[in-house]
């Protein structure tokens, strides 16, 4: 497998982070799917007010991922 670019991962996280695309790029398929599920559930449950909480969790997760990618702590499998 070719070496994954830290810059590409950071850009994917910044622009498409809530979709988990950066996680798929890094080979972390399970957590990428989990991020998509949080986004979809948040969208569905937004009517009940719970969705905003799920969006907050997802946003915090993406921010932490972004920082971890920039520091080199989150690497490809």
PDB file of N, CA and C in Angstrom:
ATOM      1  N   UNK A   1       0.850  -1.182   0.000  1.00  0.00           N
ATOM      2  CA  UNK A   1       0.000   0.000   0.000  1.00  0.00           C
ATOM      3  C   UNK A   1       0.891   1.240   0.000  1.00  0.00           C
ATOM      4  N   UNK A   2       0.539   2.206  -0.795  1.00  0.00           N
ATOM      5  CA  UNK A   2       1.313   3.442  -0.882  1.00  0.00           C
ATOM      6  C   UNK A   2       1.163   4.259   0.399  1.00  0.00           C
ATOM      7  N   UNK A   3       2.193   5.044   0.680  1.00  0.00           N
ATOM      8  CA  UNK A   3       2.184   5.928   1.851  1.00  0.00           C
ATOM      9  C   UNK A   3       1.087   6.976   1.703  1.00  0.00           C
ATOM     10  N   UNK A   4       0.310   7.172   2.759  1.00  0.00           N
ATOM     11  CA  UNK A   4      -0.786   8.134   2.729  1.00  0.00           C
ATOM     12  C   UNK A   4      -0.260   9.526   3.093  1.00  0.00           C
ATOM     13  N   UNK A   5      -0.733  10.536   2.385  1.00  0.00           N
ATOM     14  CA  UNK A   5      -0.291  11.904   2.599  1.00  0.00           C
ATOM     15  C   UNK A   5      -1.005  12.534   3.791  1.00  0.00           C
ATOM     16  N   UNK A   6      -0.215  13.113   4.689  1.00  0.00           N
ATOM     17  CA  UNK A   6      -0.758  13.812   5.847  1.00  0.00           C
ATOM     18  C   UNK A   6      -1.550  15.039   5.404  1.00  0.00           C
ATOM     19  N   UNK A   7      -1.074  15.706   4.353  1.00  0.00           N
ATOM     20  CA  UNK A   7      -1.749  16.899   3.842  1.00  0.00           C
ATOM     21  C   UNK A   7      -3.118  16.558   3.266  1.00  0.00           C
ATOM     22  N   UNK A   8      -3.181  15.479   2.497  1.00  0.00           N
ATOM     23  CA  UNK A   8      -4.457  15.059   1.909  1.00  0.00           C
ATOM     24  C   UNK A   8      -5.441  14.680   3.017  1.00  0.00           C
ATOM     25  N   UNK A   9      -4.963  13.945   3.999  1.00  0.00           N
ATOM     26  CA  UNK A   9      -5.825  13.544   5.116  1.00  0.00           C
ATOM     27  C   UNK A   9      -6.346  14.769   5.866  1.00  0.00           C
ATOM     28  N   UNK A  10      -5.477  15.754   6.096  1.00  0.00           N
ATOM     29  CA  UNK A  10      -5.888  16.972   6.804  1.00  0.00           C
ATOM     30  C   UNK A  10      -6.917  17.761   5.992  1.00  0.00           C
ATOM     31  N   UNK A  11      -6.722  17.849   4.687  1.00  0.00           N
ATOM     32  CA  UNK A  11      -7.676  18.569   3.831  1.00  0.00           C
ATOM     33  C   UNK A  11      -9.023  17.850   3.782  1.00  0.00           C
ATOM     34  N   UNK A  12      -8.990  16.533   3.686  1.00  0.00           N
ATOM     35  CA  UNK A  12     -10.235  15.765   3.690  1.00  0.00           C
ATOM     36  C   UNK A  12     -10.966  15.946   5.013  1.00  0.00           C
ATOM     37  N   UNK A  13     -10.223  15.944   6.108  1.00  0.00           N
ATOM     38  CA  UNK A  13     -10.825  16.123   7.421  1.00  0.00           C
ATOM     39  C   UNK A  13     -11.431  17.521   7.551  1.00  0.00           C
ATOM     40  N   UNK A  14     -10.717  18.529   7.067  1.00  0.00           N
ATOM     41  CA  UNK A  14     -11.201  19.908   7.186  1.00  0.00           C
ATOM     42  C   UNK A  14     -12.464  20.142   6.366  1.00  0.00           C
ATOM     43  N   UNK A  15     -12.480  19.658   5.121  1.00  0.00           N
ATOM     44  CA  UNK A  15     -13.601  19.957   4.235  1.00  0.00           C
ATOM     45  C   UNK A  15     -14.726  18.916   4.275  1.00  0.00           C
ATOM     46  N   UNK A  16     -14.394  17.652   4.533  1.00  0.00           N
ATOM     47  CA  UNK A  16     -15.401  16.583   4.502  1.00  0.00           C
ATOM     48  C   UNK A  16     -15.398  15.769   5.794  1.00  0.00           C
ATOM     49  N   UNK A  17     -14.964  16.378   6.872  1.00  0.00           N
ATOM     50  CA  UNK A  17     -14.794  15.671   8.131  1.00  0.00           C
ATOM     51  C   UNK A  17     -16.040  15.011   8.658  1.00  0.00           C
ATOM     52  N   UNK A  18     -17.170  15.666   8.561  1.00  0.00           N
ATOM     53  CA  UNK A  18     -18.399  15.092   9.118  1.00  0.00           C
ATOM     54  C   UNK A  18     -18.860  13.854   8.350  1.00  0.00           C
ATOM     55  N   UNK A  19     -18.353  13.670   7.143  1.00  0.00           N
ATOM     56  CA  UNK A  19     -18.678  12.477   6.364  1.00  0.00           C
ATOM     57  C   UNK A  19     -17.695  11.340   6.631  1.00  0.00           C
ATOM     58  N   UNK A  20     -16.640  11.609   7.391  1.00  0.00           N
ATOM     59  CA  UNK A  20     -15.666  10.578   7.718  1.00  0.00           C
ATOM     60  C   UNK A  20     -14.759  10.180   6.572  1.00  0.00           C
ATOM     61  N   UNK A  21     -14.697  10.991   5.536  1.00  0.00           N
ATOM     62  CA  UNK A  21     -13.909  10.645   4.350  1.00  0.00           C
ATOM     63  C   UNK A  21     -12.432  10.489   4.704  1.00  0.00           C
ATOM     64  N   UNK A  22     -11.931  11.313   5.609  1.00  0.00           N
ATOM     65  CA  UNK A  22     -10.533  11.205   6.012  1.00  0.00           C
ATOM     66  C   UNK A  22     -10.250   9.866   6.679  1.00  0.00           C
ATOM     67  N   UNK A  23     -11.230   9.342   7.398  1.00  0.00           N
ATOM     68  CA  UNK A  23     -11.071   8.040   8.055  1.00  0.00           C
ATOM     69  C   UNK A  23     -11.003   6.924   7.003  1.00  0.00           C
ATOM     70  N   UNK A  24     -11.834   7.007   5.974  1.00  0.00           N
ATOM     71  CA  UNK A  24     -11.772   6.019   4.890  1.00  0.00           C
ATOM     72  C   UNK A  24     -10.414   6.099   4.191  1.00  0.00           C
ATOM     73  N   UNK A  25      -9.938   7.313   3.955  1.00  0.00           N
ATOM     74  CA  UNK A  25      -8.642   7.522   3.310  1.00  0.00           C
ATOM     75  C   UNK A  25      -7.516   6.884   4.119  1.00  0.00           C
ATOM     76  N   UNK A  26      -7.601   6.977   5.446  1.00  0.00           N
ATOM     77  CA  UNK A  26      -6.566   6.427   6.315  1.00  0.00           C
ATOM     78  C   UNK A  26      -6.751   4.932   6.584  1.00  0.00           C
ATOM     79  N   UNK A  27      -7.799   4.333   6.026  1.00  0.00           N
ATOM     80  CA  UNK A  27      -8.028   2.908   6.178  1.00  0.00           C
ATOM     81  C   UNK A  27      -8.791   2.526   7.431  1.00  0.00           C
ATOM     82  N   UNK A  28      -9.365   3.482   8.102  1.00  0.00           N
ATOM     83  CA  UNK A  28     -10.139   3.238   9.322  1.00  0.00           C
ATOM     84  C   UNK A  28     -11.628   3.209   8.964  1.00  0.00           C
ATOM     85  N   UNK A  29     -12.024   2.157   8.282  1.00  0.00           N
ATOM     86  CA  UNK A  29     -13.357   2.039   7.693  1.00  0.00           C
ATOM     87  C   UNK A  29     -14.456   2.038   8.756  1.00  0.00           C
ATOM     88  N   UNK A  30     -14.254   1.298   9.828  1.00  0.00           N
ATOM     89  CA  UNK A  30     -15.287   1.184  10.870  1.00  0.00           C
ATOM     90  C   UNK A  30     -15.654   2.520  11.491  1.00  0.00           C
ATOM     91  N   UNK A  31     -14.651   3.307  11.847  1.00  0.00           N
ATOM     92  CA  UNK A  31     -14.941   4.608  12.458  1.00  0.00           C
ATOM     93  C   UNK A  31     -15.429   5.615  11.417  1.00  0.00           C
ATOM     94  N   UNK A  32     -15.047   5.413  10.158  1.00  0.00           N
ATOM     95  CA  UNK A  32     -15.590   6.255   9.089  1.00  0.00           C
ATOM     96  C   UNK A  32     -17.087   6.036   8.938  1.00  0.00           C
ATOM     97  N   UNK A  33     -17.494   4.776   8.988  1.00  0.00           N
ATOM     98  CA  UNK A  33     -18.922   4.446   8.912  1.00  0.00           C
ATOM     99  C   UNK A  33     -19.652   5.011  10.131  1.00  0.00           C
ATOM    100  N   UNK A  34     -19.023   4.917  11.300  1.00  0.00           N
ATOM    101  CA  UNK A  34     -19.632   5.453  12.517  1.00  0.00           C
ATOM    102  C   UNK A  34     -19.853   6.962  12.420  1.00  0.00           C
ATOM    103  N   UNK A  35     -18.927   7.678  11.817  1.00  0.00           N
ATOM    104  CA  UNK A  35     -19.109   9.120  11.636  1.00  0.00           C
ATOM    105  C   UNK A  35     -20.275   9.413  10.691  1.00  0.00           C
ATOM    106  N   UNK A  36     -20.412   8.624   9.642  1.00  0.00           N
ATOM    107  CA  UNK A  36     -21.551   8.810   8.732  1.00  0.00           C
ATOM    108  C   UNK A  36     -22.857   8.510   9.461  1.00  0.00           C
ATOM    109  N   UNK A  37     -22.885   7.455  10.275  1.00  0.00           N
ATOM    110  CA  UNK A  37     -24.089   7.107  11.038  1.00  0.00           C
ATOM    111  C   UNK A  37     -24.457   8.232  11.997  1.00  0.00           C
ATOM    112  N   UNK A  38     -23.466   8.826  12.680  1.00  0.00           N
ATOM    113  CA  UNK A  38     -23.746   9.956  13.576  1.00  0.00           C
ATOM    114  C   UNK A  38     -24.335  11.137  12.806  1.00  0.00           C
ATOM    115  N   UNK A  39     -23.806  11.391  11.617  1.00  0.00           N
ATOM    116  CA  UNK A  39     -24.320  12.491  10.804  1.00  0.00           C
ATOM    117  C   UNK A  39     -25.767  12.238  10.386  1.00  0.00           C
ATOM    118  N   UNK A  40     -26.064  11.032   9.935  1.00  0.00           N
ATOM    119  CA  UNK A  40     -27.423  10.695   9.490  1.00  0.00           C
ATOM    120  C   UNK A  40     -28.393  10.711  10.664  1.00  0.00           C
ATOM    121  N   UNK A  41     -28.004  10.084  11.780  1.00  0.00           N
ATOM    122  CA  UNK A  41     -28.871  10.088  12.965  1.00  0.00           C
ATOM    123  C   UNK A  41     -29.092  11.507  13.484  1.00  0.00           C
ATOM    124  N   UNK A  42     -28.030  12.310  13.472  1.00  0.00           N
ATOM    125  CA  UNK A  42     -28.167  13.695  13.895  1.00  0.00           C
ATOM    126  C   UNK A  42     -29.153  14.458  13.024  1.00  0.00           C
ATOM    127  N   UNK A  43     -29.116  14.186  11.726  1.00  0.00           N
ATOM    128  CA  UNK A  43     -30.036  14.847  10.804  1.00  0.00           C
ATOM    129  C   UNK A  43     -31.476  14.416  11.043  1.00  0.00           C
ATOM    130  N   UNK A  44     -31.661  13.125  11.292  1.00  0.00           N
ATOM    131  CA  UNK A  44     -33.011  12.607  11.521  1.00  0.00           C
ATOM    132  C   UNK A  44     -33.565  13.102  12.853  1.00  0.00           C
ATOM    133  N   UNK A  45     -32.726  13.090  13.887  1.00  0.00           N
ATOM    134  CA  UNK A  45     -33.184  13.438  15.231  1.00  0.00           C
ATOM    135  C   UNK A  45     -33.114  14.931  15.531  1.00  0.00           C
ATOM    136  N   UNK A  46     -32.740  15.719  14.548  1.00  0.00           N
ATOM    137  CA  UNK A  46     -32.675  17.167  14.743  1.00  0.00           C
ATOM    138  C   UNK A  46     -34.036  17.738  15.114  1.00  0.00           C
ATOM    139  N   UNK A  47     -35.076  17.116  14.639  1.00  0.00           N
ATOM    140  CA  UNK A  47     -36.443  17.547  14.931  1.00  0.00           C
ATOM    141  C   UNK A  47     -36.731  17.461  16.427  1.00  0.00           C
ATOM    142  N   UNK A  48     -36.158  16.463  17.079  1.00  0.00           N
ATOM    143  CA  UNK A  48     -36.408  16.234  18.500  1.00  0.00           C
ATOM    144  C   UNK A  48     -35.403  16.933  19.401  1.00  0.00           C
ATOM    145  N   UNK A  49     -34.429  17.608  18.836  1.00  0.00           N
ATOM    146  CA  UNK A  49     -33.431  18.313  19.621  1.00  0.00           C
ATOM    147  C   UNK A  49     -32.215  17.480  19.961  1.00  0.00           C
ATOM    148  N   UNK A  50     -32.313  16.177  19.806  1.00  0.00           N
ATOM    149  CA  UNK A  50     -31.184  15.294  20.107  1.00  0.00           C
ATOM    150  C   UNK A  50     -30.120  15.408  19.016  1.00  0.00           C
ATOM    151  N   UNK A  51     -30.554  15.738  17.835  1.00  0.00           N
ATOM    152  CA  UNK A  51     -29.634  15.827  16.701  1.00  0.00           C
ATOM    153  C   UNK A  51     -28.551  16.849  16.901  1.00  0.00           C
ATOM    154  N   UNK A  52     -28.877  17.959  17.546  1.00  0.00           N
ATOM    155  CA  UNK A  52     -27.871  18.995  17.795  1.00  0.00           C
ATOM    156  C   UNK A  52     -26.767  18.451  18.702  1.00  0.00           C
ATOM    157  N   UNK A  53     -27.144  17.629  19.669  1.00  0.00           N
ATOM    158  CA  UNK A  53     -26.162  17.001  20.553  1.00  0.00           C
ATOM    159  C   UNK A  53     -25.252  16.058  19.754  1.00  0.00           C
ATOM    160  N   UNK A  54     -25.832  15.274  18.845  1.00  0.00           N
ATOM    161  CA  UNK A  54     -25.042  14.363  18.015  1.00  0.00           C
ATOM    162  C   UNK A  54     -24.122  15.133  17.071  1.00  0.00           C
ATOM    163  N   UNK A  55     -24.611  16.245  16.535  1.00  0.00           N
ATOM    164  CA  UNK A  55     -23.768  17.105  15.700  1.00  0.00           C
ATOM    165  C   UNK A  55     -22.584  17.639  16.506  1.00  0.00           C
ATOM    166  N   UNK A  56     -22.842  18.001  17.751  1.00  0.00           N
ATOM    167  CA  UNK A  56     -21.777  18.504  18.616  1.00  0.00           C
ATOM    168  C   UNK A  56     -20.708  17.449  18.865  1.00  0.00           C
ATOM    169  N   UNK A  57     -21.137  16.224  19.134  1.00  0.00           N
ATOM    170  CA  UNK A  57     -20.198  15.121  19.347  1.00  0.00           C
ATOM    171  C   UNK A  57     -19.371  14.883  18.083  1.00  0.00           C
ATOM    172  N   UNK A  58     -20.061  14.867  16.954  1.00  0.00           N
ATOM    173  CA  UNK A  58     -19.371  14.642  15.681  1.00  0.00           C
ATOM    174  C   UNK A  58     -18.390  15.776  15.386  1.00  0.00           C
ATOM    175  N   UNK A  59     -18.809  16.997  15.618  1.00  0.00           N
ATOM    176  CA  UNK A  59     -17.930  18.140  15.379  1.00  0.00           C
ATOM    177  C   UNK A  59     -16.684  18.105  16.249  1.00  0.00           C
ATOM    178  N   UNK A  60     -16.849  17.733  17.506  1.00  0.00           N
ATOM    179  CA  UNK A  60     -15.707  17.617  18.408  1.00  0.00           C
ATOM    180  C   UNK A  60     -14.776  16.496  17.955  1.00  0.00           C
ATOM    181  N   UNK A  61     -15.361  15.382  17.541  1.00  0.00           N
ATOM    182  CA  UNK A  61     -14.572  14.256  17.051  1.00  0.00           C
ATOM    183  C   UNK A  61     -13.751  14.660  15.822  1.00  0.00           C
ATOM    184  N   UNK A  62     -14.372  15.378  14.894  1.00  0.00           N
ATOM    185  CA  UNK A  62     -13.675  15.801  13.679  1.00  0.00           C
ATOM    186  C   UNK A  62     -12.561  16.790  14.030  1.00  0.00           C
ATOM    187  N   UNK A  63     -12.815  17.696  14.956  1.00  0.00           N
ATOM    188  CA  UNK A  63     -11.790  18.653  15.366  1.00  0.00           C
ATOM    189  C   UNK A  63     -10.590  17.928  15.985  1.00  0.00           C
ATOM    190  N   UNK A  64     -10.867  16.954  16.842  1.00  0.00           N
ATOM    191  CA  UNK A  64      -9.785  16.171  17.448  1.00  0.00           C
ATOM    192  C   UNK A  64      -9.025  15.389  16.379  1.00  0.00           C
ATOM    193  N   UNK A  65      -9.753  14.791  15.427  1.00  0.00           N
ATOM    194  CA  UNK A  65      -9.099  14.085  14.322  1.00  0.00           C
ATOM    195  C   UNK A  65      -8.188  15.025  13.538  1.00  0.00           C
ATOM    196  N   UNK A  66      -8.664  16.227  13.275  1.00  0.00           N
ATOM    197  CA  UNK A  66      -7.885  17.211  12.516  1.00  0.00           C
ATOM    198  C   UNK A  66      -6.578  17.527  13.244  1.00  0.00           C
ATOM    199  N   UNK A  67      -6.673  17.739  14.540  1.00  0.00           N
ATOM    200  CA  UNK A  67      -5.476  18.036  15.337  1.00  0.00           C
ATOM    201  C   UNK A  67      -4.536  16.834  15.357  1.00  0.00           C
ATOM    202  N   UNK A  68      -5.104  15.637  15.512  1.00  0.00           N
ATOM    203  CA  UNK A  68      -4.276  14.429  15.529  1.00  0.00           C
ATOM    204  C   UNK A  68      -3.584  14.196  14.194  1.00  0.00           C
ATOM    205  N   UNK A  69      -4.247  14.505  13.096  1.00  0.00           N
ATOM    206  CA  UNK A  69      -3.637  14.357  11.772  1.00  0.00           C
ATOM    207  C   UNK A  69      -2.485  15.345  11.631  1.00  0.00           C
ATOM    208  N   UNK A  70      -2.715  16.589  12.038  1.00  0.00           N
ATOM    209  CA  UNK A  70      -1.655  17.604  11.906  1.00  0.00           C
ATOM    210  C   UNK A  70      -0.441  17.290  12.772  1.00  0.00           C
ATOM    211  N   UNK A  71      -0.656  16.686  13.943  1.00  0.00           N
ATOM    212  CA  UNK A  71       0.459  16.350  14.822  1.00  0.00           C
ATOM    213  C   UNK A  71       1.102  15.010  14.454  1.00  0.00           C
ATOM    214  N   UNK A  72       0.484  14.267  13.560  1.00  0.00           N
ATOM    215  CA  UNK A  72       1.034  12.986  13.124  1.00  0.00           C
ATOM    216  C   UNK A  72       0.644  11.819  14.012  1.00  0.00           C
ATOM    217  N   UNK A  73      -0.291  12.029  14.927  1.00  0.00           N
ATOM    218  CA  UNK A  73      -0.708  10.958  15.837  1.00  0.00           C
ATOM    219  C   UNK A  73      -1.721  10.013  15.208  1.00  0.00           C
ATOM    220  N   UNK A  74      -2.507  10.490  14.245  1.00  0.00           N
ATOM    221  CA  UNK A  74      -3.506   9.659  13.571  1.00  0.00           C
ATOM    222  C   UNK A  74      -2.920   9.253  12.216  1.00  0.00           C
ATOM    223  N   UNK A  75      -2.566   7.979  12.119  1.00  0.00           N
ATOM    224  CA  UNK A  75      -1.873   7.500  10.920  1.00  0.00           C
ATOM    225  C   UNK A  75      -2.705   6.431  10.219  1.00  0.00           C
ATOM    226  N   UNK A  76      -2.315   6.141   8.993  1.00  0.00           N
ATOM    227  CA  UNK A  76      -2.996   5.114   8.195  1.00  0.00           C
ATOM    228  C   UNK A  76      -2.697   3.733   8.744  1.00  0.00           C
ATOM    229  N   UNK A  77      -3.626   2.834   8.551  1.00  0.00           N
ATOM    230  CA  UNK A  77      -3.426   1.426   8.954  1.00  0.00           C
ATOM    231  C   UNK A  77      -2.425   0.769   8.065  1.00  0.00           C
TER     232      UNK A  77
END
